[in-house]
Each structure stands twice: as structure tokens, then as C-alpha cells.
Amino acid sequence: SLPVGLYTAINSHTIRFHQLQRGTADRIRNRRVNERTGIEVDLADIV
């Protein structure tokens, strides 16, 4: 048995956009937030 890693042999040439607020150009982030409490939830606590 030999340990191996799988690598992509090509680079992606797709354009990736960020979400920005119109007028300010401030970056928008997506967070996992409890709807009822408004507190951010850790990824390990999500089912």
C-alpha cells in the first residue's frame, strides 16, 4: 500500500466573482446564523 494524493493537472480558467455592496464596493460574507437567536452557529453544530 502506497499513500498517494490526487491533484488536478490543469488550472481552472473560470472567472470567480465576489459579492459586493452596491455603491460601497464592500465585500459581502455569508455566515451560518440561527434564525431565531441571530447567533452565528459553528459548522460542527449544523445537521
All heavy atoms as atom14 arrays in JSON, in Angstrom:
{
  "sequence": "SLPVGLYTAINSHTIRFHQLQRGTADRIRNRRVNERTGIEVDLADIV",
  "atom14_mask": [
    [1, 1, 1, 1, 1, 1, 0, 0, 0, 0, 0, 0, 0, 0],
    [1, 1, 1, 1, 1, 1, 1, 1, 0, 0, 0, 0, 0, 0],
    [1, 1, 1, 1, 1, 1, 1, 0, 0, 0, 0, 0, 0, 0],
    [1, 1, 1, 1, 1, 1, 1, 0, 0, 0, 0, 0, 0, 0],
    [1, 1, 1, 1, 0, 0, 0, 0, 0, 0, 0, 0, 0, 0],
    [1, 1, 1, 1, 1, 1, 1, 1, 0, 0, 0, 0, 0, 0],
    [1, 1, 1, 1, 1, 1, 1, 1, 1, 1, 1, 1, 0, 0],
    [1, 1, 1, 1, 1, 1, 1, 0, 0, 0, 0, 0, 0, 0],
    [1, 1, 1, 1, 1, 0, 0, 0, 0, 0, 0, 0, 0, 0],
    [1, 1, 1, 1, 1, 1, 1, 1, 0, 0, 0, 0, 0, 0],
    [1, 1, 1, 1, 1, 1, 1, 1, 0, 0, 0, 0, 0, 0],
    [1, 1, 1, 1, 1, 1, 0, 0, 0, 0, 0, 0, 0, 0],
    [1, 1, 1, 1, 1, 1, 1, 1, 1, 1, 0, 0, 0, 0],
    [1, 1, 1, 1, 1, 1, 1, 0, 0, 0, 0, 0, 0, 0],
    [1, 1, 1, 1, 1, 1, 1, 1, 0, 0, 0, 0, 0, 0],
    [1, 1, 1, 1, 1, 1, 1, 1, 1, 1, 1, 0, 0, 0],
    [1, 1, 1, 1, 1, 1, 1, 1, 1, 1, 1, 0, 0, 0],
    [1, 1, 1, 1, 1, 1, 1, 1, 1, 1, 0, 0, 0, 0],
    [1, 1, 1, 1, 1, 1, 1, 1, 1, 0, 0, 0, 0, 0],
    [1, 1, 1, 1, 1, 1, 1, 1, 0, 0, 0, 0, 0, 0],
    [1, 1, 1, 1, 1, 1, 1, 1, 1, 0, 0, 0, 0, 0],
    [1, 1, 1, 1, 1, 1, 1, 1, 1, 1, 1, 0, 0, 0],
    [1, 1, 1, 1, 0, 0, 0, 0, 0, 0, 0, 0, 0, 0],
    [1, 1, 1, 1, 1, 1, 1, 0, 0, 0, 0, 0, 0, 0],
    [1, 1, 1, 1, 1, 0, 0, 0, 0, 0, 0, 0, 0, 0],
    [1, 1, 1, 1, 1, 1, 1, 1, 0, 0, 0, 0, 0, 0],
    [1, 1, 1, 1, 1, 1, 1, 1, 1, 1, 1, 0, 0, 0],
    [1, 1, 1, 1, 1, 1, 1, 1, 0, 0, 0, 0, 0, 0],
    [1, 1, 1, 1, 1, 1, 1, 1, 1, 1, 1, 0, 0, 0],
    [1, 1, 1, 1, 1, 1, 1, 1, 0, 0, 0, 0, 0, 0],
    [1, 1, 1, 1, 1, 1, 1, 1, 1, 1, 1, 0, 0, 0],
    [1, 1, 1, 1, 1, 1, 1, 1, 1, 1, 1, 0, 0, 0],
    [1, 1, 1, 1, 1, 1, 1, 0, 0, 0, 0, 0, 0, 0],
    [1, 1, 1, 1, 1, 1, 1, 1, 0, 0, 0, 0, 0, 0],
    [1, 1, 1, 1, 1, 1, 1, 1, 1, 0, 0, 0, 0, 0],
    [1, 1, 1, 1, 1, 1, 1, 1, 1, 1, 1, 0, 0, 0],
    [1, 1, 1, 1, 1, 1, 1, 0, 0, 0, 0, 0, 0, 0],
    [1, 1, 1, 1, 0, 0, 0, 0, 0, 0, 0, 0, 0, 0],
    [1, 1, 1, 1, 1, 1, 1, 1, 0, 0, 0, 0, 0, 0],
    [1, 1, 1, 1, 1, 1, 1, 1, 1, 0, 0, 0, 0, 0],
    [1, 1, 1, 1, 1, 1, 1, 0, 0, 0, 0, 0, 0, 0],
    [1, 1, 1, 1, 1, 1, 1, 1, 0, 0, 0, 0, 0, 0],
    [1, 1, 1, 1, 1, 1, 1, 1, 0, 0, 0, 0, 0, 0],
    [1, 1, 1, 1, 1, 0, 0, 0, 0, 0, 0, 0, 0, 0],
    [1, 1, 1, 1, 1, 1, 1, 1, 0, 0, 0, 0, 0, 0],
    [1, 1, 1, 1, 1, 1, 1, 1, 0, 0, 0, 0, 0, 0],
    [1, 1, 1, 1, 1, 1, 1, 0, 0, 0, 0, 0, 0, 0]
  ],
  "atom14_positions": [
    [[0.84, -1.19, 0.0], [0.0, 0.0, 0.0], [0.88, 1.24, 0.0], [1.81, 1.35, 0.79], [-0.89, 0.02, 1.24], [-1.77, -1.06, 1.23], [0.0, 0.0, 0.0], [0.0, 0.0, 0.0], [0.0, 0.0, 0.0], [0.0, 0.0, 0.0], [0.0, 0.0, 0.0], [0.0, 0.0, 0.0], [0.0, 0.0, 0.0], [0.0, 0.0, 0.0]],
    [[0.57, 2.16, -0.91], [1.34, 3.39, -1.02], [0.41, 4.59, -0.83], [-0.63, 4.67, -1.47], [1.99, 3.5, -2.4], [2.96, 2.39, -2.78], [3.34, 2.51, -4.24], [4.18, 2.45, -1.9], [0.0, 0.0, 0.0], [0.0, 0.0, 0.0], [0.0, 0.0, 0.0], [0.0, 0.0, 0.0], [0.0, 0.0, 0.0], [0.0, 0.0, 0.0]],
    [[0.78, 5.54, 0.04], [-0.04, 6.74, 0.18], [0.1, 7.61, -1.06], [1.2, 7.8, -1.58], [0.54, 7.42, 1.41], [1.92, 6.9, 1.53], [1.92, 5.53, 0.94], [0.0, 0.0, 0.0], [0.0, 0.0, 0.0], [0.0, 0.0, 0.0], [0.0, 0.0, 0.0], [0.0, 0.0, 0.0], [0.0, 0.0, 0.0], [0.0, 0.0, 0.0]],
    [[-1.0, 8.12, -1.58], [-0.99, 8.97, -2.76], [-1.93, 10.15, -2.55], [-2.83, 10.12, -1.72], [-1.42, 8.21, -4.04], [-0.45, 7.13, -4.41], [-2.81, 7.66, -3.91], [0.0, 0.0, 0.0], [0.0, 0.0, 0.0], [0.0, 0.0, 0.0], [0.0, 0.0, 0.0], [0.0, 0.0, 0.0], [0.0, 0.0, 0.0], [0.0, 0.0, 0.0]],
    [[-1.69, 11.19, -3.31], [-2.57, 12.35, -3.36], [-3.06, 12.53, -4.77], [-2.32, 12.28, -5.73], [0.0, 0.0, 0.0], [0.0, 0.0, 0.0], [0.0, 0.0, 0.0], [0.0, 0.0, 0.0], [0.0, 0.0, 0.0], [0.0, 0.0, 0.0], [0.0, 0.0, 0.0], [0.0, 0.0, 0.0], [0.0, 0.0, 0.0], [0.0, 0.0, 0.0]],
    [[-4.29, 12.97, -4.95], [-4.85, 13.2, -6.28], [-4.86, 14.7, -6.53], [-5.44, 15.47, -5.76], [-6.27, 12.63, -6.36], [-6.91, 12.56, -7.72], [-6.12, 11.62, -8.63], [-8.34, 12.1, -7.62], [0.0, 0.0, 0.0], [0.0, 0.0, 0.0], [0.0, 0.0, 0.0], [0.0, 0.0, 0.0], [0.0, 0.0, 0.0], [0.0, 0.0, 0.0]],
    [[-4.18, 15.12, -7.58], [-4.03, 16.52, -7.92], [-4.69, 16.8, -9.26], [-4.72, 15.95, -10.14], [-2.54, 16.89, -8.05], [-1.74, 16.66, -6.79], [-1.17, 15.42, -6.52], [-1.55, 17.67, -5.89], [-0.42, 15.2, -5.38], [-0.8, 17.47, -4.73], [-0.26, 16.24, -4.49], [0.48, 16.02, -3.35], [0.0, 0.0, 0.0], [0.0, 0.0, 0.0]],
    [[-5.2, 18.02, -9.45], [-5.71, 18.39, -10.76], [-4.51, 18.75, -11.64], [-3.57, 19.39, -11.19], [-6.66, 19.6, -10.67], [-6.0, 20.67, -10.04], [-7.92, 19.26, -9.93], [0.0, 0.0, 0.0], [0.0, 0.0, 0.0], [0.0, 0.0, 0.0], [0.0, 0.0, 0.0], [0.0, 0.0, 0.0], [0.0, 0.0, 0.0], [0.0, 0.0, 0.0]],
    [[-4.56, 18.3, -12.87], [-3.43, 18.51, -13.78], [-3.6, 19.78, -14.6], [-2.7, 20.14, -15.35], [-3.28, 17.31, -14.7], [0.0, 0.0, 0.0], [0.0, 0.0, 0.0], [0.0, 0.0, 0.0], [0.0, 0.0, 0.0], [0.0, 0.0, 0.0], [0.0, 0.0, 0.0], [0.0, 0.0, 0.0], [0.0, 0.0, 0.0], [0.0, 0.0, 0.0]],
    [[-4.73, 20.44, -14.48], [-4.95, 21.67, -15.23], [-5.42, 22.76, -14.28], [-5.91, 22.48, -13.19], [-5.99, 21.47, -16.35], [-7.33, 21.02, -15.76], [-5.52, 20.49, -17.39], [-8.45, 20.99, -16.76], [0.0, 0.0, 0.0], [0.0, 0.0, 0.0], [0.0, 0.0, 0.0], [0.0, 0.0, 0.0], [0.0, 0.0, 0.0], [0.0, 0.0, 0.0]],
    [[-5.25, 23.98, -14.68], [-5.75, 25.11, -13.9], [-7.11, 25.52, -14.43], [-7.35, 25.52, -15.64], [-4.8, 26.31, -14.0], [-3.51, 26.07, -13.28], [-3.47, 25.35, -12.29], [-2.44, 26.68, -13.77], [0.0, 0.0, 0.0], [0.0, 0.0, 0.0], [0.0, 0.0, 0.0], [0.0, 0.0, 0.0], [0.0, 0.0, 0.0], [0.0, 0.0, 0.0]],
    [[-7.99, 25.9, -13.52], [-9.3, 26.37, -13.92], [-9.19, 27.81, -14.44], [-8.52, 28.64, -13.83], [-10.26, 26.32, -12.73], [-11.48, 26.89, -13.07], [0.0, 0.0, 0.0], [0.0, 0.0, 0.0], [0.0, 0.0, 0.0], [0.0, 0.0, 0.0], [0.0, 0.0, 0.0], [0.0, 0.0, 0.0], [0.0, 0.0, 0.0], [0.0, 0.0, 0.0]],
    [[-9.82, 28.08, -15.55], [-9.78, 29.42, -16.12], [-11.15, 30.1, -16.03], [-11.42, 31.02, -16.79], [-9.3, 29.37, -17.57], [-7.89, 28.9, -17.71], [-6.81, 29.65, -17.33], [-7.38, 27.72, -18.14], [-5.7, 28.98, -17.55], [-6.02, 27.8, -18.03], [0.0, 0.0, 0.0], [0.0, 0.0, 0.0], [0.0, 0.0, 0.0], [0.0, 0.0, 0.0]],
    [[-11.97, 29.63, -15.11], [-13.28, 30.26, -14.94], [-13.12, 31.51, -14.09], [-12.25, 31.61, -13.24], [-14.28, 29.31, -14.26], [-13.75, 28.93, -12.99], [-14.52, 28.07, -15.09], [0.0, 0.0, 0.0], [0.0, 0.0, 0.0], [0.0, 0.0, 0.0], [0.0, 0.0, 0.0], [0.0, 0.0, 0.0], [0.0, 0.0, 0.0], [0.0, 0.0, 0.0]],
    [[-13.99, 32.46, -14.32], [-13.97, 33.71, -13.57], [-14.82, 33.54, -12.33], [-15.94, 33.07, -12.4], [-14.53, 34.87, -14.44], [-13.64, 35.06, -15.66], [-14.62, 36.14, -13.63], [-14.18, 36.06, -16.65], [0.0, 0.0, 0.0], [0.0, 0.0, 0.0], [0.0, 0.0, 0.0], [0.0, 0.0, 0.0], [0.0, 0.0, 0.0], [0.0, 0.0, 0.0]],
    [[-14.28, 33.9, -11.19], [-15.0, 33.83, -9.93], [-15.24, 35.24, -9.42], [-14.3, 36.01, -9.27], [-14.21, 33.01, -8.92], [-13.93, 31.61, -9.42], [-13.59, 30.68, -8.3], [-13.13, 29.39, -8.76], [-13.93, 28.41, -9.13], [-15.23, 28.57, -9.1], [-13.44, 27.25, -9.54], [0.0, 0.0, 0.0], [0.0, 0.0, 0.0], [0.0, 0.0, 0.0]],
    [[-16.49, 35.54, -9.16], [-16.87, 36.86, -8.68], [-17.07, 36.85, -7.18], [-17.42, 35.83, -6.6], [-18.17, 37.33, -9.34], [-18.03, 37.58, -10.82], [-18.47, 36.66, -11.74], [-17.46, 38.76, -11.28], [-18.35, 36.89, -13.09], [-17.34, 39.0, -12.63], [-17.79, 38.07, -13.54], [0.0, 0.0, 0.0], [0.0, 0.0, 0.0], [0.0, 0.0, 0.0]],
    [[-16.88, 37.98, -6.53], [-17.22, 38.18, -5.13], [-18.5, 39.0, -5.08], [-18.81, 39.75, -6.0], [-16.11, 38.94, -4.39], [-14.82, 38.2, -4.31], [-14.63, 37.15, -3.45], [-13.66, 38.34, -4.98], [-13.41, 36.69, -3.57], [-12.8, 37.38, -4.52], [0.0, 0.0, 0.0], [0.0, 0.0, 0.0], [0.0, 0.0, 0.0], [0.0, 0.0, 0.0]],
    [[-19.25, 38.85, -3.99], [-20.45, 39.67, -3.79], [-20.03, 40.96, -3.1], [-19.33, 40.94, -2.09], [-21.47, 38.92, -2.95], [-22.04, 37.72, -3.63], [-23.05, 37.01, -2.75], [-23.04, 37.15, -1.54], [-23.93, 36.25, -3.37], [0.0, 0.0, 0.0], [0.0, 0.0, 0.0], [0.0, 0.0, 0.0], [0.0, 0.0, 0.0], [0.0, 0.0, 0.0]],
    [[-20.47, 42.1, -3.66], [-20.13, 43.41, -3.12], [-21.41, 44.21, -2.91], [-22.4, 44.03, -3.61], [-19.21, 44.17, -4.08], [-17.94, 43.46, -4.53], [-17.22, 44.28, -5.59], [-17.03, 43.22, -3.34], [0.0, 0.0, 0.0], [0.0, 0.0, 0.0], [0.0, 0.0, 0.0], [0.0, 0.0, 0.0], [0.0, 0.0, 0.0], [0.0, 0.0, 0.0]],
    [[-21.35, 45.13, -1.94], [-22.5, 46.01, -1.72], [-22.45, 47.14, -2.74], [-21.41, 47.77, -2.94], [-22.46, 46.59, -0.31], [-23.65, 47.46, -0.01], [-23.62, 48.01, 1.41], [-22.66, 47.79, 2.14], [-24.67, 48.72, 1.77], [0.0, 0.0, 0.0], [0.0, 0.0, 0.0], [0.0, 0.0, 0.0], [0.0, 0.0, 0.0], [0.0, 0.0, 0.0]],
    [[-23.58, 47.37, -3.4], [-23.65, 48.4, -4.42], [-23.36, 49.78, -3.8], [-23.86, 50.11, -2.75], [-25.03, 48.41, -5.06], [-25.19, 49.34, -6.23], [-26.6, 49.36, -6.78], [-27.23, 48.07, -6.89], [-27.1, 47.24, -7.93], [-26.34, 47.57, -8.95], [-27.71, 46.08, -7.95], [0.0, 0.0, 0.0], [0.0, 0.0, 0.0], [0.0, 0.0, 0.0]],
    [[-22.53, 50.54, -4.46], [-22.21, 51.89, -4.01], [-21.0, 51.98, -3.1], [-20.31, 52.98, -3.09], [0.0, 0.0, 0.0], [0.0, 0.0, 0.0], [0.0, 0.0, 0.0], [0.0, 0.0, 0.0], [0.0, 0.0, 0.0], [0.0, 0.0, 0.0], [0.0, 0.0, 0.0], [0.0, 0.0, 0.0], [0.0, 0.0, 0.0], [0.0, 0.0, 0.0]],
    [[-20.72, 50.93, -2.31], [-19.58, 50.99, -1.4], [-18.45, 50.06, -1.83], [-17.32, 50.24, -1.4], [-19.99, 50.6, 0.03], [-20.39, 49.23, 0.03], [-21.09, 51.49, 0.55], [0.0, 0.0, 0.0], [0.0, 0.0, 0.0], [0.0, 0.0, 0.0], [0.0, 0.0, 0.0], [0.0, 0.0, 0.0], [0.0, 0.0, 0.0], [0.0, 0.0, 0.0]],
    [[-18.74, 49.07, -2.62], [-17.79, 48.04, -3.04], [-17.23, 47.27, -1.84], [-16.13, 46.74, -1.9], [-16.66, 48.62, -3.89], [0.0, 0.0, 0.0], [0.0, 0.0, 0.0], [0.0, 0.0, 0.0], [0.0, 0.0, 0.0], [0.0, 0.0, 0.0], [0.0, 0.0, 0.0], [0.0, 0.0, 0.0], [0.0, 0.0, 0.0], [0.0, 0.0, 0.0]],
    [[-17.98, 47.22, -0.73], [-17.59, 46.41, 0.43], [-17.97, 44.97, 0.17], [-19.06, 44.68, -0.34], [-18.29, 46.91, 1.7], [-17.83, 48.29, 2.11], [-16.71, 48.69, 1.72], [-18.6, 48.99, 2.81], [0.0, 0.0, 0.0], [0.0, 0.0, 0.0], [0.0, 0.0, 0.0], [0.0, 0.0, 0.0], [0.0, 0.0, 0.0], [0.0, 0.0, 0.0]],
    [[-17.09, 44.04, 0.54], [-17.32, 42.63, 0.31], [-18.39, 42.1, 1.24], [-18.43, 42.46, 2.42], [-16.01, 41.84, 0.51], [-16.16, 40.38, 0.28], [-15.15, 39.86, -0.68], [-15.4, 38.44, -0.9], [-14.51, 37.5, -0.71], [-13.29, 37.81, -0.34], [-14.8, 36.25, -0.93], [0.0, 0.0, 0.0], [0.0, 0.0, 0.0], [0.0, 0.0, 0.0]],
    [[-19.26, 41.24, 0.74], [-20.34, 40.63, 1.49], [-19.94, 39.2, 1.82], [-19.47, 38.46, 0.96], [-21.66, 40.62, 0.69], [-22.01, 42.04, 0.23], [-22.78, 39.99, 1.47], [-22.26, 43.01, 1.35], [0.0, 0.0, 0.0], [0.0, 0.0, 0.0], [0.0, 0.0, 0.0], [0.0, 0.0, 0.0], [0.0, 0.0, 0.0], [0.0, 0.0, 0.0]],
    [[-20.1, 38.78, 3.07], [-19.79, 37.43, 3.52], [-21.08, 36.7, 3.86], [-22.04, 37.29, 4.34], [-18.9, 37.45, 4.76], [-17.61, 38.18, 4.57], [-16.61, 37.27, 3.95], [-15.33, 37.97, 3.88], [-14.3, 37.5, 3.25], [-14.37, 36.36, 2.65], [-13.18, 38.17, 3.21], [0.0, 0.0, 0.0], [0.0, 0.0, 0.0], [0.0, 0.0, 0.0]],
    [[-21.07, 35.39, 3.62], [-22.2, 34.55, 4.02], [-21.84, 33.86, 5.33], [-20.78, 33.24, 5.45], [-22.49, 33.49, 2.95], [-22.99, 34.11, 1.67], [-23.74, 35.08, 1.71], [-22.57, 33.59, 0.55], [0.0, 0.0, 0.0], [0.0, 0.0, 0.0], [0.0, 0.0, 0.0], [0.0, 0.0, 0.0], [0.0, 0.0, 0.0], [0.0, 0.0, 0.0]],
    [[-22.72, 33.96, 6.31], [-22.49, 33.33, 7.61], [-23.67, 32.45, 7.94], [-24.8, 32.71, 7.55], [-22.32, 34.4, 8.69], [-21.05, 35.21, 8.52], [-20.72, 35.96, 9.78], [-19.38, 36.47, 9.75], [-19.05, 37.7, 9.35], [-19.99, 38.53, 8.97], [-17.8, 38.08, 9.36], [0.0, 0.0, 0.0], [0.0, 0.0, 0.0], [0.0, 0.0, 0.0]],
    [[-23.4, 31.4, 8.73], [-24.45, 30.5, 9.2], [-24.97, 31.04, 10.52], [-24.28, 30.99, 11.53], [-23.88, 29.09, 9.35], [-23.48, 28.48, 8.02], [-22.7, 27.2, 8.24], [-22.34, 26.59, 7.0], [-21.26, 26.9, 6.29], [-20.43, 27.81, 6.72], [-21.0, 26.3, 5.16], [0.0, 0.0, 0.0], [0.0, 0.0, 0.0], [0.0, 0.0, 0.0]],
    [[-26.19, 31.56, 10.48], [-26.76, 32.23, 11.65], [-28.09, 31.57, 12.02], [-28.91, 31.27, 11.15], [-26.98, 33.74, 11.34], [-27.63, 34.45, 12.51], [-25.67, 34.4, 10.98], [0.0, 0.0, 0.0], [0.0, 0.0, 0.0], [0.0, 0.0, 0.0], [0.0, 0.0, 0.0], [0.0, 0.0, 0.0], [0.0, 0.0, 0.0], [0.0, 0.0, 0.0]],
    [[-28.29, 31.35, 13.32], [-29.55, 30.82, 13.84], [-30.63, 31.86, 13.58], [-30.52, 33.01, 14.0], [-29.39, 30.54, 15.34], [-30.62, 29.93, 15.95], [-31.74, 30.32, 15.67], [-30.39, 28.96, 16.81], [0.0, 0.0, 0.0], [0.0, 0.0, 0.0], [0.0, 0.0, 0.0], [0.0, 0.0, 0.0], [0.0, 0.0, 0.0], [0.0, 0.0, 0.0]],
    [[-31.72, 31.46, 12.88], [-32.79, 32.41, 12.54], [-33.47, 32.99, 13.77], [-33.83, 34.15, 13.78], [-33.86, 31.72, 11.68], [-33.49, 31.53, 10.25], [-34.64, 30.95, 9.44], [-35.68, 30.57, 10.02], [-34.5, 30.87, 8.22], [0.0, 0.0, 0.0], [0.0, 0.0, 0.0], [0.0, 0.0, 0.0], [0.0, 0.0, 0.0], [0.0, 0.0, 0.0]],
    [[-33.64, 32.17, 14.8], [-34.37, 32.63, 15.98], [-33.53, 33.55, 16.86], [-34.01, 34.6, 17.28], [-34.85, 31.42, 16.79], [-35.72, 31.76, 17.99], [-36.2, 30.52, 18.73], [-35.14, 29.59, 19.07], [-34.32, 29.72, 20.13], [-34.46, 30.73, 20.94], [-33.4, 28.81, 20.36], [0.0, 0.0, 0.0], [0.0, 0.0, 0.0], [0.0, 0.0, 0.0]],
    [[-32.27, 33.18, 17.11], [-31.45, 33.95, 18.04], [-30.55, 34.98, 17.37], [-30.12, 35.94, 18.01], [-30.55, 33.02, 18.87], [-29.64, 32.35, 17.99], [-31.37, 32.0, 19.64], [0.0, 0.0, 0.0], [0.0, 0.0, 0.0], [0.0, 0.0, 0.0], [0.0, 0.0, 0.0], [0.0, 0.0, 0.0], [0.0, 0.0, 0.0], [0.0, 0.0, 0.0]],
    [[-30.22, 34.78, 16.1], [-29.32, 35.67, 15.4], [-27.86, 35.42, 15.7], [-26.99, 36.18, 15.27], [0.0, 0.0, 0.0], [0.0, 0.0, 0.0], [0.0, 0.0, 0.0], [0.0, 0.0, 0.0], [0.0, 0.0, 0.0], [0.0, 0.0, 0.0], [0.0, 0.0, 0.0], [0.0, 0.0, 0.0], [0.0, 0.0, 0.0], [0.0, 0.0, 0.0]],
    [[-27.56, 34.34, 16.42], [-26.19, 34.0, 16.79], [-25.58, 33.1, 15.72], [-26.23, 32.19, 15.21], [-26.15, 33.29, 18.17], [-26.71, 34.23, 19.24], [-24.74, 32.85, 18.51], [-26.87, 33.58, 20.59], [0.0, 0.0, 0.0], [0.0, 0.0, 0.0], [0.0, 0.0, 0.0], [0.0, 0.0, 0.0], [0.0, 0.0, 0.0], [0.0, 0.0, 0.0]],
    [[-24.3, 33.36, 15.4], [-23.6, 32.54, 14.4], [-23.37, 31.13, 14.96], [-23.03, 30.96, 16.12], [-22.27, 33.18, 14.04], [-21.62, 32.56, 12.83], [-20.45, 33.37, 12.3], [-20.29, 34.53, 12.67], [-19.68, 32.8, 11.51], [0.0, 0.0, 0.0], [0.0, 0.0, 0.0], [0.0, 0.0, 0.0], [0.0, 0.0, 0.0], [0.0, 0.0, 0.0]],
    [[-23.59, 30.1, 14.1], [-23.51, 28.71, 14.51], [-22.27, 28.07, 13.91], [-21.96, 28.26, 12.73], [-24.78, 27.94, 14.06], [-24.7, 26.48, 14.44], [-26.01, 28.59, 14.62], [0.0, 0.0, 0.0], [0.0, 0.0, 0.0], [0.0, 0.0, 0.0], [0.0, 0.0, 0.0], [0.0, 0.0, 0.0], [0.0, 0.0, 0.0], [0.0, 0.0, 0.0]],
    [[-21.53, 27.3, 14.72], [-20.34, 26.59, 14.27], [-20.76, 25.5, 13.28], [-21.81, 24.87, 13.43], [-19.61, 25.98, 15.47], [-18.27, 25.42, 15.08], [-17.57, 26.04, 14.27], [-17.92, 24.34, 15.6], [0.0, 0.0, 0.0], [0.0, 0.0, 0.0], [0.0, 0.0, 0.0], [0.0, 0.0, 0.0], [0.0, 0.0, 0.0], [0.0, 0.0, 0.0]],
    [[-19.92, 25.23, 12.29], [-20.22, 24.23, 11.26], [-20.44, 22.85, 11.86], [-21.26, 22.07, 11.37], [-19.1, 24.2, 10.22], [-19.33, 23.33, 9.0], [-20.56, 23.79, 8.24], [-18.13, 23.39, 8.09], [0.0, 0.0, 0.0], [0.0, 0.0, 0.0], [0.0, 0.0, 0.0], [0.0, 0.0, 0.0], [0.0, 0.0, 0.0], [0.0, 0.0, 0.0]],
    [[-19.72, 22.51, 12.95], [-19.86, 21.2, 13.57], [-21.23, 21.01, 14.23], [-21.66, 19.88, 14.46], [-18.77, 21.0, 14.62], [0.0, 0.0, 0.0], [0.0, 0.0, 0.0], [0.0, 0.0, 0.0], [0.0, 0.0, 0.0], [0.0, 0.0, 0.0], [0.0, 0.0, 0.0], [0.0, 0.0, 0.0], [0.0, 0.0, 0.0], [0.0, 0.0, 0.0]],
    [[-21.93, 22.09, 14.51], [-23.24, 22.03, 15.15], [-24.4, 22.03, 14.16], [-25.56, 22.11, 14.57], [-23.41, 23.2, 16.12], [-22.44, 23.13, 17.28], [-22.06, 22.0, 17.66], [-22.06, 24.19, 17.81], [0.0, 0.0, 0.0], [0.0, 0.0, 0.0], [0.0, 0.0, 0.0], [0.0, 0.0, 0.0], [0.0, 0.0, 0.0], [0.0, 0.0, 0.0]],
    [[-24.11, 21.96, 12.88], [-25.17, 22.0, 11.86], [-25.46, 20.6, 11.37], [-24.55, 19.83, 11.05], [-24.75, 22.92, 10.7], [-24.56, 24.35, 11.22], [-25.77, 22.88, 9.57], [-24.06, 25.32, 10.19], [0.0, 0.0, 0.0], [0.0, 0.0, 0.0], [0.0, 0.0, 0.0], [0.0, 0.0, 0.0], [0.0, 0.0, 0.0], [0.0, 0.0, 0.0]],
    [[-26.76, 20.23, 11.33], [-27.21, 18.94, 10.82], [-28.22, 19.18, 9.71], [-28.75, 20.27, 9.56], [-27.85, 18.07, 11.94], [-26.82, 17.7, 12.98], [-29.03, 18.77, 12.56], [0.0, 0.0, 0.0], [0.0, 0.0, 0.0], [0.0, 0.0, 0.0], [0.0, 0.0, 0.0], [0.0, 0.0, 0.0], [0.0, 0.0, 0.0], [0.0, 0.0, 0.0]]
  ]
}
